[in-house]
Amino acid sequence: MTSPLQQKIKITGPSVVTANRTADGVVIWRTGSKGWSLDLADAAIVRTADDARALLAEAIEDDLGAIGAYIAPVEVRDGGKVLPGNLRERIRVKGLTIEMPVPA
């Protein structure tokens, strides 16, 4: 399997890096301050393949805090509102699509 950093990265608009928090699987986004946020609005937005590759590399290094990091498209609306850029991300930003069982 090819590493995400070795794959050809094509950016067609504003993008972010997203992953899942290792502690509980919650969706998180990479911030400009090299951290993670639960809020898409806090995500660092990149617009070039080189910037996306750098942000992804930094996110992948944080394998204790997050797993499965990848580049995802976003839309930036008037006023700076950041919205998911495709169906997959719209689903992920809303959280779980099923009710989790309560541990016994």
C-alpha atoms as a PDB file:
ATOM      1  CA  MET A   1       0.000   0.000   0.000  1.00  0.00           C
ATOM      2  CA  THR A   2       1.302   3.435  -0.901  1.00  0.00           C
ATOM      3  CA  SER A   3       1.846   5.951   1.882  1.00  0.00           C
ATOM      4  CA  PRO A   4      -0.460   8.993   1.673  1.00  0.00           C
ATOM      5  CA  LEU A   5       2.674  11.130   1.435  1.00  0.00           C
ATOM      6  CA  GLN A   6       3.873   9.214  -1.637  1.00  0.00           C
ATOM      7  CA  GLN A   7       0.578   9.497  -3.474  1.00  0.00           C
ATOM      8  CA  LYS A   8       0.027  12.197  -6.053  1.00  0.00           C
ATOM      9  CA  ILE A   9      -1.959  14.939  -4.361  1.00  0.00           C
ATOM     10  CA  LYS A  10      -4.392  16.911  -6.486  1.00  0.00           C
ATOM     11  CA  ILE A  11      -6.008  19.947  -4.886  1.00  0.00           C
ATOM     12  CA  THR A  12      -8.861  21.578  -6.796  1.00  0.00           C
ATOM     13  CA  GLY A  13      -9.909  24.054  -4.122  1.00  0.00           C
ATOM     14  CA  PRO A  14      -9.679  24.739  -0.415  1.00  0.00           C
ATOM     15  CA  SER A  15      -8.850  21.625   1.593  1.00  0.00           C
ATOM     16  CA  VAL A  16      -8.216  20.525   5.162  1.00  0.00           C
ATOM     17  CA  VAL A  17      -6.664  17.533   6.889  1.00  0.00           C
ATOM     18  CA  THR A  18      -9.023  15.384   8.905  1.00  0.00           C
ATOM     19  CA  ALA A  19      -8.599  12.218  10.967  1.00  0.00           C
ATOM     20  CA  ASN A  20     -10.110  10.344  13.878  1.00  0.00           C
ATOM     21  CA  ARG A  21      -9.023  10.858  17.472  1.00  0.00           C
ATOM     22  CA  THR A  22      -7.300   7.709  18.734  1.00  0.00           C
ATOM     23  CA  ALA A  23      -8.942   7.835  22.169  1.00  0.00           C
ATOM     24  CA  ASP A  24     -12.533   7.547  20.952  1.00  0.00           C
ATOM     25  CA  GLY A  25     -12.704   7.754  17.139  1.00  0.00           C
ATOM     26  CA  VAL A  26     -14.270  11.219  17.069  1.00  0.00           C
ATOM     27  CA  VAL A  27     -13.723  13.211  13.847  1.00  0.00           C
ATOM     28  CA  ILE A  28     -11.073  15.931  14.232  1.00  0.00           C
ATOM     29  CA  TRP A  29      -9.425  18.515  11.981  1.00  0.00           C
ATOM     30  CA  ARG A  30      -5.806  19.695  11.911  1.00  0.00           C
ATOM     31  CA  THR A  31      -5.352  23.297  13.017  1.00  0.00           C
ATOM     32  CA  GLY A  32      -2.785  25.865  11.991  1.00  0.00           C
ATOM     33  CA  SER A  33      -1.214  25.652  15.454  1.00  0.00           C
ATOM     34  CA  LYS A  34      -0.281  21.982  14.897  1.00  0.00           C
ATOM     35  CA  GLY A  35      -3.106  20.708  17.051  1.00  0.00           C
ATOM     36  CA  TRP A  36      -6.491  19.122  16.488  1.00  0.00           C
ATOM     37  CA  SER A  37      -9.990  20.533  16.833  1.00  0.00           C
ATOM     38  CA  LEU A  38     -13.474  19.086  17.022  1.00  0.00           C
ATOM     39  CA  ASP A  39     -14.710  22.119  15.054  1.00  0.00           C
ATOM     40  CA  LEU A  40     -14.237  22.283  11.283  1.00  0.00           C
ATOM     41  CA  ALA A  41     -14.135  26.086  11.535  1.00  0.00           C
ATOM     42  CA  ASP A  42     -10.791  25.795  13.387  1.00  0.00           C
ATOM     43  CA  ALA A  43      -9.139  23.730  10.636  1.00  0.00           C
ATOM     44  CA  ALA A  44      -6.111  24.996   8.742  1.00  0.00           C
ATOM     45  CA  ILE A  45      -7.177  25.520   5.130  1.00  0.00           C
ATOM     46  CA  VAL A  46      -4.684  24.827   2.342  1.00  0.00           C
ATOM     47  CA  ARG A  47      -5.005  25.616  -1.336  1.00  0.00           C
ATOM     48  CA  THR A  48      -1.949  23.994  -2.952  1.00  0.00           C
ATOM     49  CA  ALA A  49      -0.695  20.417  -3.180  1.00  0.00           C
ATOM     50  CA  ASP A  50       2.577  21.355  -1.450  1.00  0.00           C
ATOM     51  CA  ASP A  51       0.769  22.949   1.491  1.00  0.00           C
ATOM     52  CA  ALA A  52      -1.595  19.968   1.721  1.00  0.00           C
ATOM     53  CA  ARG A  53       1.336  17.540   1.675  1.00  0.00           C
ATOM     54  CA  ALA A  54       3.088  19.456   4.474  1.00  0.00           C
ATOM     55  CA  LEU A  55      -0.050  19.629   6.634  1.00  0.00           C
ATOM     56  CA  LEU A  56      -0.738  15.929   6.055  1.00  0.00           C
ATOM     57  CA  ALA A  57       2.853  14.964   6.938  1.00  0.00           C
ATOM     58  CA  GLU A  58       2.632  16.861  10.211  1.00  0.00           C
ATOM     59  CA  ALA A  59      -0.722  15.230  10.997  1.00  0.00           C
ATOM     60  CA  ILE A  60       0.557  11.721  10.252  1.00  0.00           C
ATOM     61  CA  GLU A  61       3.467  12.258  12.657  1.00  0.00           C
ATOM     62  CA  ASP A  62       0.892  12.711  15.428  1.00  0.00           C
ATOM     63  CA  ASP A  63      -0.038   9.028  15.403  1.00  0.00           C
ATOM     64  CA  LEU A  64      -0.708   9.047  19.152  1.00  0.00           C
ATOM     65  CA  GLY A  65      -3.410  11.710  18.905  1.00  0.00           C
ATOM     66  CA  ALA A  66      -5.015  10.860  15.578  1.00  0.00           C
ATOM     67  CA  ILE A  67      -5.261   8.042  13.062  1.00  0.00           C
ATOM     68  CA  GLY A  68      -6.228   7.830   9.413  1.00  0.00           C
ATOM     69  CA  ALA A  69      -5.344  11.403   8.472  1.00  0.00           C
ATOM     70  CA  TYR A  70      -6.234  12.457   4.933  1.00  0.00           C
ATOM     71  CA  ILE A  71      -6.911  15.558   2.850  1.00  0.00           C
ATOM     72  CA  ALA A  72     -10.552  16.546   2.466  1.00  0.00           C
ATOM     73  CA  PRO A  73     -12.208  19.269   0.370  1.00  0.00           C
ATOM     74  CA  VAL A  74     -14.070  22.139   1.986  1.00  0.00           C
ATOM     75  CA  GLU A  75     -16.096  25.103   0.799  1.00  0.00           C
ATOM     76  CA  VAL A  76     -15.384  28.559   2.162  1.00  0.00           C
ATOM     77  CA  ARG A  77     -18.505  30.708   1.940  1.00  0.00           C
ATOM     78  CA  ASP A  78     -18.892  34.470   2.170  1.00  0.00           C
ATOM     79  CA  GLY A  79     -17.963  35.614   5.638  1.00  0.00           C
ATOM     80  CA  GLY A  80     -15.429  32.789   5.989  1.00  0.00           C
ATOM     81  CA  LYS A  81     -17.863  30.035   6.967  1.00  0.00           C
ATOM     82  CA  VAL A  82     -16.204  26.646   6.344  1.00  0.00           C
ATOM     83  CA  LEU A  83     -18.419  23.780   5.156  1.00  0.00           C
ATOM     84  CA  PRO A  84     -17.633  20.188   4.165  1.00  0.00           C
ATOM     85  CA  GLY A  85     -16.861  19.925   0.453  1.00  0.00           C
ATOM     86  CA  ASN A  86     -18.367  16.524  -0.326  1.00  0.00           C
ATOM     87  CA  LEU A  87     -20.951  14.018   0.910  1.00  0.00           C
ATOM     88  CA  ARG A  88     -18.499  11.936   2.925  1.00  0.00           C
ATOM     89  CA  GLU A  89     -17.338  14.976   4.880  1.00  0.00           C
ATOM     90  CA  ARG A  90     -20.908  16.230   5.384  1.00  0.00           C
ATOM     91  CA  ILE A  91     -21.701  12.895   7.023  1.00  0.00           C
ATOM     92  CA  ARG A  92     -18.512  12.906   9.123  1.00  0.00           C
ATOM     93  CA  VAL A  93     -19.037  16.467  10.402  1.00  0.00           C
ATOM     94  CA  LYS A  94     -22.467  15.533  11.760  1.00  0.00           C
ATOM     95  CA  GLY A  95     -21.103  12.649  13.827  1.00  0.00           C
ATOM     96  CA  LEU A  96     -22.260   9.081  14.175  1.00  0.00           C
ATOM     97  CA  THR A  97     -25.009   7.831  11.888  1.00  0.00           C
ATOM     98  CA  ILE A  98     -25.973   5.055  14.295  1.00  0.00           C
ATOM     99  CA  GLU A  99     -26.628   4.934  18.009  1.00  0.00           C
ATOM    100  CA  MET A 100     -23.719   3.422  19.890  1.00  0.00           C
ATOM    101  CA  PRO A 101     -24.528   0.607  22.316  1.00  0.00           C
ATOM    102  CA  VAL A 102     -24.198   1.454  25.986  1.00  0.00           C
ATOM    103  CA  PRO A 103     -21.465  -0.632  27.661  1.00  0.00           C
ATOM    104  CA  ALA A 104     -22.759  -3.079  30.261  1.00  0.00           C
END
